[in-house]
Amino acid sequence: MRRRGRIGGWTPRIAFTRSRFSSKQQKFYPQCTPRNSGPQSRDTLPTRDTGIANEEDWEISLLNENVNESGTNEDGSTWYRQSGEDLGENGYLRRWTMMGGKSHDGSSEWMETWWETSDWSGYKELGVEKSGRNAEGDSWWETWQELLHQDEWSNLAHIEKSAQKQAKSGIENAGWHEKWWEKYDAKGWTEKGAHKYGRLNEQSWWEKWGEHYDGRGSVLKWTDKWAKTEVGTRWGDKWEEKFFDVVGSRQGETWHVSASGDRWSRTWGEEHFGNGKVHKYGKSTTGEIWDLIVHEETYYEAEPHYGWADVVGDSSQLLTIQPRPRRPGVFPNLDFGSSPPQLDDQT
């Protein structure tokens, strides 16, 4: 089945864009021309509303040896690059590479760290963190990671992906932050979601959304977004849908509050009975009201468009992380406890 619309695709009324400081990207840093094979300047702000990037987009390439080097470019900017390994109990191994640079006057700088982690339990993690600022005071930070682990009781494999991104203008009261996550298991259970926030001078907006699939045909999707101005005007929209085997419901609300406190809202709902009949109902504060039974086909997505097979296929670098060799007879210390953990409704 297909679902109408696209969750998380709301365009807020607030005209918050990154154009005022993304257009300055070419002025952020002098282009590095290192004479000692130093890292190139990373002068790009993270892009808003792009979700979680795949491995290939991050181009993570860890060095195979310990490095600690630095240098100065012809324009006076400086750079450094370091790499190493951290060891711990139960075969813990973290390989990392860190690099960064600074303009000749120190007014702009950037830093980037890549890492991969593993241990003898089968845990694997791949990630990157980036940050920077420019001479005009614009700053940004972002991190991305994906990990593989197995459930202690069922040995069921899980893959999780997440990303956080933020940017702030140095010349006006503007900035944005977003957090994305995706979770998958080998039986088809999937969870996806995002929290977003943005501000442009006197206007602010928020958005949250989530998708949950139990791998057996049950699906829950929801979104909630709202915005406000400093003078007190607020508006928003939210909805939720629950389905299993063509039977389910949708409900939502659109609302607006003026600066003087006057409120308008419209609420609506749908009950899908699985036999071609749909009960639709709703009302608004202006006197609208409806309650009727219609005949129409039910559209929804019983499975994620991007699921377990897709994420496995796109996680080749994560899956090929090599743990430390384990001596014969040495096993990881795993505390399974006295009883299995309680499972929530989504598992």
Foldseek 3Di string as FASTA:
>chain_A
DFDPDDPPPDDDPPPADCCVPQVCLVVFADWFDDPVPFDTADRHADDPPPFADFPVVVPDDADPDFDWDKDAGPQQKIKIKGWDWDADAQQKIKTKIKMKIAGNVRLKIKIKMWMWIDGQQGKIKTKMKIWMAGNLGKIKIKMKMKMWGADPPPRWIKIKIKMKIKIAGSPFGWMKIKIWMWMAIPLQWIKTKMWIKIDGHFKIKIKIWMWTALSQQKIKIKIWMKMAGNLGKIWIKIKMWIDGQQWTKIKIKTKIADSVGDIKMKIKMWGGPNPQKIWIWIAIPVGDTDTDIDGDGDRHDSHDPAHDVNVVVRCVVRNPDDTDDDDPPDGHDDDCDDDHDDDDPRD
